[in-house]
Amino acid sequence: MTEQEYLARIRELMQARFDDIPPVEEIDLDTDLMEDLPLVSLDMVDLILTCETTFNVKLDMADAKNTHTIRQLIAWIESAK
């Protein structure tokens, strides 16, 4: 998958899981998951678990603290494949 394909899929996941997400046009690769979006820690765990299922990967939760942007989330997913 390309970065843009990942971005599109992650946008879809967030729209389906979270009520307060801004329009997808406002979410890009450099969107900060905790600063730019109304996500709290529990939402991040939910997003990570959803990504694991969607992309069929196992993400090490110890690396979550280093994941701030969607670009970093995608790199994390790619490194787990």
PDB file of N, CA and C in Angstrom:
ATOM      1  N   MET A   1       0.839  -1.187   0.000  1.00  0.00           N
ATOM      2  CA  MET A   1       0.000   0.000   0.000  1.00  0.00           C
ATOM      3  C   MET A   1       0.883   1.250   0.000  1.00  0.00           C
ATOM      4  N   THR A   2       0.382   2.276  -0.635  1.00  0.00           N
ATOM      5  CA  THR A   2       1.085   3.551  -0.608  1.00  0.00           C
ATOM      6  C   THR A   2       0.669   4.330   0.644  1.00  0.00           C
ATOM      7  N   GLU A   3       1.419   5.377   0.959  1.00  0.00           N
ATOM      8  CA  GLU A   3       1.065   6.230   2.096  1.00  0.00           C
ATOM      9  C   GLU A   3      -0.337   6.796   1.934  1.00  0.00           C
ATOM     10  N   GLN A   4      -0.674   7.188   0.721  1.00  0.00           N
ATOM     11  CA  GLN A   4      -1.994   7.772   0.472  1.00  0.00           C
ATOM     12  C   GLN A   4      -3.114   6.741   0.653  1.00  0.00           C
ATOM     13  N   GLU A   5      -2.840   5.493   0.284  1.00  0.00           N
ATOM     14  CA  GLU A   5      -3.835   4.433   0.492  1.00  0.00           C
ATOM     15  C   GLU A   5      -4.019   4.162   1.979  1.00  0.00           C
ATOM     16  N   TYR A   6      -2.913   4.121   2.709  1.00  0.00           N
ATOM     17  CA  TYR A   6      -3.007   3.984   4.167  1.00  0.00           C
ATOM     18  C   TYR A   6      -3.795   5.144   4.761  1.00  0.00           C
ATOM     19  N   LEU A   7      -3.454   6.362   4.341  1.00  0.00           N
ATOM     20  CA  LEU A   7      -4.132   7.542   4.858  1.00  0.00           C
ATOM     21  C   LEU A   7      -5.637   7.442   4.631  1.00  0.00           C
ATOM     22  N   ALA A   8      -6.040   7.071   3.439  1.00  0.00           N
ATOM     23  CA  ALA A   8      -7.464   6.959   3.117  1.00  0.00           C
ATOM     24  C   ALA A   8      -8.140   5.925   4.020  1.00  0.00           C
ATOM     25  N   ARG A   9      -7.487   4.807   4.226  1.00  0.00           N
ATOM     26  CA  ARG A   9      -8.073   3.743   5.057  1.00  0.00           C
ATOM     27  C   ARG A   9      -8.129   4.167   6.527  1.00  0.00           C
ATOM     28  N   ILE A  10      -7.079   4.809   7.025  1.00  0.00           N
ATOM     29  CA  ILE A  10      -7.070   5.261   8.419  1.00  0.00           C
ATOM     30  C   ILE A  10      -8.131   6.340   8.635  1.00  0.00           C
ATOM     31  N   ARG A  11      -8.301   7.214   7.656  1.00  0.00           N
ATOM     32  CA  ARG A  11      -9.375   8.215   7.746  1.00  0.00           C
ATOM     33  C   ARG A  11     -10.725   7.524   7.893  1.00  0.00           C
ATOM     34  N   GLU A  12     -10.964   6.498   7.064  1.00  0.00           N
ATOM     35  CA  GLU A  12     -12.224   5.752   7.126  1.00  0.00           C
ATOM     36  C   GLU A  12     -12.409   5.117   8.496  1.00  0.00           C
ATOM     37  N   LEU A  13     -11.353   4.512   9.022  1.00  0.00           N
ATOM     38  CA  LEU A  13     -11.421   3.875  10.336  1.00  0.00           C
ATOM     39  C   LEU A  13     -11.776   4.889  11.418  1.00  0.00           C
ATOM     40  N   MET A  14     -11.125   6.033  11.375  1.00  0.00           N
ATOM     41  CA  MET A  14     -11.382   7.051  12.396  1.00  0.00           C
ATOM     42  C   MET A  14     -12.800   7.595  12.293  1.00  0.00           C
ATOM     43  N   GLN A  15     -13.264   7.824  11.078  1.00  0.00           N
ATOM     44  CA  GLN A  15     -14.630   8.323  10.893  1.00  0.00           C
ATOM     45  C   GLN A  15     -15.653   7.320  11.432  1.00  0.00           C
ATOM     46  N   ALA A  16     -15.384   6.031  11.251  1.00  0.00           N
ATOM     47  CA  ALA A  16     -16.311   4.997  11.701  1.00  0.00           C
ATOM     48  C   ALA A  16     -16.277   4.806  13.223  1.00  0.00           C
ATOM     49  N   ARG A  17     -15.118   5.027  13.850  1.00  0.00           N
ATOM     50  CA  ARG A  17     -14.945   4.716  15.272  1.00  0.00           C
ATOM     51  C   ARG A  17     -15.184   5.893  16.207  1.00  0.00           C
ATOM     52  N   PHE A  18     -14.917   7.112  15.744  1.00  0.00           N
ATOM     53  CA  PHE A  18     -14.933   8.261  16.639  1.00  0.00           C
ATOM     54  C   PHE A  18     -15.915   9.321  16.149  1.00  0.00           C
ATOM     55  N   ASP A  19     -16.690   9.865  17.069  1.00  0.00           N
ATOM     56  CA  ASP A  19     -17.740  10.819  16.717  1.00  0.00           C
ATOM     57  C   ASP A  19     -17.225  12.226  16.406  1.00  0.00           C
ATOM     58  N   ASP A  20     -16.182  12.648  17.090  1.00  0.00           N
ATOM     59  CA  ASP A  20     -15.766  14.054  17.004  1.00  0.00           C
ATOM     60  C   ASP A  20     -14.639  14.322  16.015  1.00  0.00           C
ATOM     61  N   ILE A  21     -14.401  13.399  15.102  1.00  0.00           N
ATOM     62  CA  ILE A  21     -13.321  13.559  14.134  1.00  0.00           C
ATOM     63  C   ILE A  21     -13.711  14.635  13.113  1.00  0.00           C
ATOM     64  N   PRO A  22     -12.770  15.528  12.788  1.00  0.00           N
ATOM     65  CA  PRO A  22     -13.082  16.546  11.766  1.00  0.00           C
ATOM     66  C   PRO A  22     -13.272  15.896  10.390  1.00  0.00           C
ATOM     67  N   PRO A  23     -13.752  16.646   9.418  1.00  0.00           N
ATOM     68  CA  PRO A  23     -13.910  16.103   8.060  1.00  0.00           C
ATOM     69  C   PRO A  23     -12.580  15.531   7.554  1.00  0.00           C
ATOM     70  N   VAL A  24     -12.672  14.457   6.770  1.00  0.00           N
ATOM     71  CA  VAL A  24     -11.464  13.765   6.319  1.00  0.00           C
ATOM     72  C   VAL A  24     -10.533  14.669   5.527  1.00  0.00           C
ATOM     73  N   GLU A  25     -11.063  15.681   4.878  1.00  0.00           N
ATOM     74  CA  GLU A  25     -10.225  16.589   4.104  1.00  0.00           C
ATOM     75  C   GLU A  25      -9.238  17.341   5.000  1.00  0.00           C
ATOM     76  N   GLU A  26      -9.558  17.454   6.277  1.00  0.00           N
ATOM     77  CA  GLU A  26      -8.704  18.172   7.224  1.00  0.00           C
ATOM     78  C   GLU A  26      -7.652  17.266   7.865  1.00  0.00           C
ATOM     79  N   ILE A  27      -7.717  15.979   7.599  1.00  0.00           N
ATOM     80  CA  ILE A  27      -6.785  15.012   8.185  1.00  0.00           C
ATOM     81  C   ILE A  27      -5.761  14.631   7.122  1.00  0.00           C
ATOM     82  N   ASP A  28      -4.489  14.923   7.402  1.00  0.00           N
ATOM     83  CA  ASP A  28      -3.438  14.564   6.450  1.00  0.00           C
ATOM     84  C   ASP A  28      -2.338  13.768   7.143  1.00  0.00           C
ATOM     85  N   LEU A  29      -1.287  13.486   6.423  1.00  0.00           N
ATOM     86  CA  LEU A  29      -0.212  12.644   6.953  1.00  0.00           C
ATOM     87  C   LEU A  29       0.464  13.248   8.176  1.00  0.00           C
ATOM     88  N   ASP A  30       0.469  14.566   8.282  1.00  0.00           N
ATOM     89  CA  ASP A  30       1.143  15.223   9.393  1.00  0.00           C
ATOM     90  C   ASP A  30       0.190  15.647  10.512  1.00  0.00           C
ATOM     91  N   THR A  31      -1.041  15.186  10.437  1.00  0.00           N
ATOM     92  CA  THR A  31      -1.987  15.452  11.516  1.00  0.00           C
ATOM     93  C   THR A  31      -1.508  14.750  12.775  1.00  0.00           C
ATOM     94  N   ASP A  32      -1.434  15.514  13.872  1.00  0.00           N
ATOM     95  CA  ASP A  32      -1.036  14.947  15.161  1.00  0.00           C
ATOM     96  C   ASP A  32      -2.268  14.299  15.791  1.00  0.00           C
ATOM     97  N   LEU A  33      -2.157  13.035  16.094  1.00  0.00           N
ATOM     98  CA  LEU A  33      -3.300  12.265  16.569  1.00  0.00           C
ATOM     99  C   LEU A  33      -3.861  12.779  17.891  1.00  0.00           C
ATOM    100  N   MET A  34      -3.011  13.273  18.765  1.00  0.00           N
ATOM    101  CA  MET A  34      -3.470  13.736  20.073  1.00  0.00           C
ATOM    102  C   MET A  34      -3.667  15.255  20.127  1.00  0.00           C
ATOM    103  N   GLU A  35      -2.909  15.999  19.352  1.00  0.00           N
ATOM    104  CA  GLU A  35      -2.990  17.458  19.402  1.00  0.00           C
ATOM    105  C   GLU A  35      -4.027  18.022  18.428  1.00  0.00           C
ATOM    106  N   ASP A  36      -4.068  17.474  17.213  1.00  0.00           N
ATOM    107  CA  ASP A  36      -4.949  18.017  16.180  1.00  0.00           C
ATOM    108  C   ASP A  36      -6.322  17.360  16.156  1.00  0.00           C
ATOM    109  N   LEU A  37      -6.416  16.178  16.722  1.00  0.00           N
ATOM    110  CA  LEU A  37      -7.685  15.451  16.750  1.00  0.00           C
ATOM    111  C   LEU A  37      -8.149  15.324  18.199  1.00  0.00           C
ATOM    112  N   PRO A  38      -9.445  15.198  18.398  1.00  0.00           N
ATOM    113  CA  PRO A  38      -9.959  15.101  19.763  1.00  0.00           C
ATOM    114  C   PRO A  38      -9.854  13.676  20.322  1.00  0.00           C
ATOM    115  N   LEU A  39      -8.660  13.082  20.240  1.00  0.00           N
ATOM    116  CA  LEU A  39      -8.464  11.721  20.738  1.00  0.00           C
ATOM    117  C   LEU A  39      -7.805  11.769  22.112  1.00  0.00           C
ATOM    118  N   VAL A  40      -8.264  10.907  22.999  1.00  0.00           N
ATOM    119  CA  VAL A  40      -7.632  10.730  24.302  1.00  0.00           C
ATOM    120  C   VAL A  40      -6.889   9.399  24.272  1.00  0.00           C
ATOM    121  N   SER A  41      -6.177   9.098  25.333  1.00  0.00           N
ATOM    122  CA  SER A  41      -5.342   7.889  25.368  1.00  0.00           C
ATOM    123  C   SER A  41      -6.126   6.627  25.035  1.00  0.00           C
ATOM    124  N   LEU A  42      -7.313   6.490  25.575  1.00  0.00           N
ATOM    125  CA  LEU A  42      -8.116   5.298  25.299  1.00  0.00           C
ATOM    126  C   LEU A  42      -8.499   5.213  23.827  1.00  0.00           C
ATOM    127  N   ASP A  43      -8.760   6.356  23.212  1.00  0.00           N
ATOM    128  CA  ASP A  43      -9.050   6.379  21.774  1.00  0.00           C
ATOM    129  C   ASP A  43      -7.840   5.915  20.970  1.00  0.00           C
ATOM    130  N   MET A  44      -6.660   6.314  21.411  1.00  0.00           N
ATOM    131  CA  MET A  44      -5.427   5.889  20.719  1.00  0.00           C
ATOM    132  C   MET A  44      -5.278   4.372  20.781  1.00  0.00           C
ATOM    133  N   VAL A  45      -5.553   3.797  21.944  1.00  0.00           N
ATOM    134  CA  VAL A  45      -5.483   2.335  22.074  1.00  0.00           C
ATOM    135  C   VAL A  45      -6.488   1.694  21.129  1.00  0.00           C
ATOM    136  N   ASP A  46      -7.684   2.234  21.081  1.00  0.00           N
ATOM    137  CA  ASP A  46      -8.717   1.726  20.182  1.00  0.00           C
ATOM    138  C   ASP A  46      -8.258   1.821  18.726  1.00  0.00           C
ATOM    139  N   LEU A  47      -7.674   2.962  18.345  1.00  0.00           N
ATOM    140  CA  LEU A  47      -7.191   3.136  16.975  1.00  0.00           C
ATOM    141  C   LEU A  47      -6.084   2.132  16.656  1.00  0.00           C
ATOM    142  N   ILE A  48      -5.173   1.936  17.579  1.00  0.00           N
ATOM    143  CA  ILE A  48      -4.066   0.986  17.374  1.00  0.00           C
ATOM    144  C   ILE A  48      -4.602  -0.422  17.202  1.00  0.00           C
ATOM    145  N   LEU A  49      -5.525  -0.831  18.054  1.00  0.00           N
ATOM    146  CA  LEU A  49      -6.104  -2.178  17.949  1.00  0.00           C
ATOM    147  C   LEU A  49      -6.880  -2.336  16.636  1.00  0.00           C
ATOM    148  N   THR A  50      -7.576  -1.294  16.231  1.00  0.00           N
ATOM    149  CA  THR A  50      -8.309  -1.332  14.967  1.00  0.00           C
ATOM    150  C   THR A  50      -7.343  -1.457  13.791  1.00  0.00           C
ATOM    151  N   CYS A  51      -6.220  -0.730  13.854  1.00  0.00           N
ATOM    152  CA  CYS A  51      -5.214  -0.830  12.797  1.00  0.00           C
ATOM    153  C   CYS A  51      -4.595  -2.222  12.751  1.00  0.00           C
ATOM    154  N   GLU A  52      -4.377  -2.808  13.914  1.00  0.00           N
ATOM    155  CA  GLU A  52      -3.830  -4.169  13.939  1.00  0.00           C
ATOM    156  C   GLU A  52      -4.746  -5.127  13.193  1.00  0.00           C
ATOM    157  N   THR A  53      -6.026  -5.024  13.475  1.00  0.00           N
ATOM    158  CA  THR A  53      -7.002  -5.907  12.827  1.00  0.00           C
ATOM    159  C   THR A  53      -7.121  -5.604  11.338  1.00  0.00           C
ATOM    160  N   THR A  54      -7.231  -4.345  11.006  1.00  0.00           N
ATOM    161  CA  THR A  54      -7.432  -3.928   9.616  1.00  0.00           C
ATOM    162  C   THR A  54      -6.249  -4.275   8.725  1.00  0.00           C
ATOM    163  N   PHE A  55      -5.035  -4.028   9.231  1.00  0.00           N
ATOM    164  CA  PHE A  55      -3.838  -4.224   8.418  1.00  0.00           C
ATOM    165  C   PHE A  55      -3.120  -5.536   8.726  1.00  0.00           C
ATOM    166  N   ASN A  56      -3.741  -6.359   9.592  1.00  0.00           N
ATOM    167  CA  ASN A  56      -3.223  -7.693   9.921  1.00  0.00           C
ATOM    168  C   ASN A  56      -1.755  -7.639  10.385  1.00  0.00           C
ATOM    169  N   VAL A  57      -1.519  -6.784  11.399  1.00  0.00           N
ATOM    170  CA  VAL A  57      -0.191  -6.653  11.985  1.00  0.00           C
ATOM    171  C   VAL A  57      -0.315  -6.697  13.504  1.00  0.00           C
ATOM    172  N   LYS A  58       0.800  -6.920  14.167  1.00  0.00           N
ATOM    173  CA  LYS A  58       0.868  -6.831  15.629  1.00  0.00           C
ATOM    174  C   LYS A  58       1.780  -5.662  15.963  1.00  0.00           C
ATOM    175  N   LEU A  59       1.209  -4.645  16.589  1.00  0.00           N
ATOM    176  CA  LEU A  59       1.966  -3.451  16.931  1.00  0.00           C
ATOM    177  C   LEU A  59       2.388  -3.515  18.395  1.00  0.00           C
ATOM    178  N   ASP A  60       3.641  -3.262  18.660  1.00  0.00           N
ATOM    179  CA  ASP A  60       4.175  -3.267  20.021  1.00  0.00           C
ATOM    180  C   ASP A  60       3.735  -1.985  20.719  1.00  0.00           C
ATOM    181  N   MET A  61       2.907  -2.124  21.748  1.00  0.00           N
ATOM    182  CA  MET A  61       2.360  -0.956  22.433  1.00  0.00           C
ATOM    183  C   MET A  61       3.446  -0.072  23.041  1.00  0.00           C
ATOM    184  N   ALA A  62       4.619  -0.614  23.278  1.00  0.00           N
ATOM    185  CA  ALA A  62       5.722   0.197  23.812  1.00  0.00           C
ATOM    186  C   ALA A  62       6.134   1.284  22.823  1.00  0.00           C
ATOM    187  N   ASP A  63       5.855   1.065  21.552  1.00  0.00           N
ATOM    188  CA  ASP A  63       6.198   2.052  20.525  1.00  0.00           C
ATOM    189  C   ASP A  63       5.129   3.133  20.358  1.00  0.00           C
ATOM    190  N   ALA A  64       4.000   2.967  21.013  1.00  0.00           N
ATOM    191  CA  ALA A  64       2.901   3.924  20.854  1.00  0.00           C
ATOM    192  C   ALA A  64       3.305   5.332  21.277  1.00  0.00           C
ATOM    193  N   LYS A  65       4.156   5.438  22.287  1.00  0.00           N
ATOM    194  CA  LYS A  65       4.544   6.762  22.784  1.00  0.00           C
ATOM    195  C   LYS A  65       5.349   7.553  21.749  1.00  0.00           C
ATOM    196  N   ASN A  66       5.903   6.860  20.753  1.00  0.00           N
ATOM    197  CA  ASN A  66       6.678   7.513  19.707  1.00  0.00           C
ATOM    198  C   ASN A  66       5.853   7.799  18.454  1.00  0.00           C
ATOM    199  N   THR A  67       4.577   7.531  18.534  1.00  0.00           N
ATOM    200  CA  THR A  67       3.700   7.690  17.376  1.00  0.00           C
ATOM    201  C   THR A  67       2.779   8.881  17.622  1.00  0.00           C
ATOM    202  N   HIS A  68       3.054   9.968  16.926  1.00  0.00           N
ATOM    203  CA  HIS A  68       2.279  11.191  17.122  1.00  0.00           C
ATOM    204  C   HIS A  68       1.445  11.554  15.898  1.00  0.00           C
ATOM    205  N   THR A  69       1.983  11.319  14.713  1.00  0.00           N
ATOM    206  CA  THR A  69       1.281  11.712  13.489  1.00  0.00           C
ATOM    207  C   THR A  69       0.790  10.479  12.734  1.00  0.00           C
ATOM    208  N   ILE A  70      -0.074  10.717  11.787  1.00  0.00           N
ATOM    209  CA  ILE A  70      -0.555   9.615  10.947  1.00  0.00           C
ATOM    210  C   ILE A  70       0.606   9.046  10.141  1.00  0.00           C
ATOM    211  N   ARG A  71       1.516   9.885   9.688  1.00  0.00           N
ATOM    212  CA  ARG A  71       2.693   9.408   8.956  1.00  0.00           C
ATOM    213  C   ARG A  71       3.496   8.421   9.831  1.00  0.00           C
ATOM    214  N   GLN A  72       3.662   8.748  11.101  1.00  0.00           N
ATOM    215  CA  GLN A  72       4.388   7.857  12.013  1.00  0.00           C
ATOM    216  C   GLN A  72       3.602   6.573  12.265  1.00  0.00           C
ATOM    217  N   LEU A  73       2.291   6.669  12.343  1.00  0.00           N
ATOM    218  CA  LEU A  73       1.450   5.474  12.505  1.00  0.00           C
ATOM    219  C   LEU A  73       1.623   4.544  11.304  1.00  0.00           C
ATOM    220  N   ILE A  74       1.615   5.110  10.114  1.00  0.00           N
ATOM    221  CA  ILE A  74       1.802   4.315   8.900  1.00  0.00           C
ATOM    222  C   ILE A  74       3.166   3.657   8.885  1.00  0.00           C
ATOM    223  N   ALA A  75       4.200   4.398   9.259  1.00  0.00           N
ATOM    224  CA  ALA A  75       5.552   3.815   9.311  1.00  0.00           C
ATOM    225  C   ALA A  75       5.610   2.683  10.323  1.00  0.00           C
ATOM    226  N   TRP A  76       4.934   2.839  11.445  1.00  0.00           N
ATOM    227  CA  TRP A  76       4.866   1.810  12.472  1.00  0.00           C
ATOM    228  C   TRP A  76       4.188   0.548  11.930  1.00  0.00           C
ATOM    229  N   ILE A  77       3.087   0.742  11.237  1.00  0.00           N
ATOM    230  CA  ILE A  77       2.357  -0.386  10.640  1.00  0.00           C
ATOM    231  C   ILE A  77       3.260  -1.094   9.620  1.00  0.00           C
ATOM    232  N   GLU A  78       3.905  -0.320   8.769  1.00  0.00           N
ATOM    233  CA  GLU A  78       4.800  -0.895   7.756  1.00  0.00           C
ATOM    234  C   GLU A  78       5.949  -1.668   8.398  1.00  0.00           C
ATOM    235  N   SER A  79       6.499  -1.158   9.478  1.00  0.00           N
ATOM    236  CA  SER A  79       7.630  -1.834  10.129  1.00  0.00           C
ATOM    237  C   SER A  79       7.206  -3.141  10.793  1.00  0.00           C
ATOM    238  N   ALA A  80       5.924  -3.279  11.064  1.00  0.00           N
ATOM    239  CA  ALA A  80       5.411  -4.483  11.716  1.00  0.00           C
ATOM    240  C   ALA A  80       5.069  -5.586  10.706  1.00  0.00           C
ATOM    241  N   LYS A  81       5.101  -5.260   9.429  1.00  0.00           N
ATOM    242  CA  LYS A  81       4.756  -6.267   8.411  1.00  0.00           C
ATOM    243  C   LYS A  81       5.917  -7.183   8.139  1.00  0.00           C
TER     244      LYS A  81
END
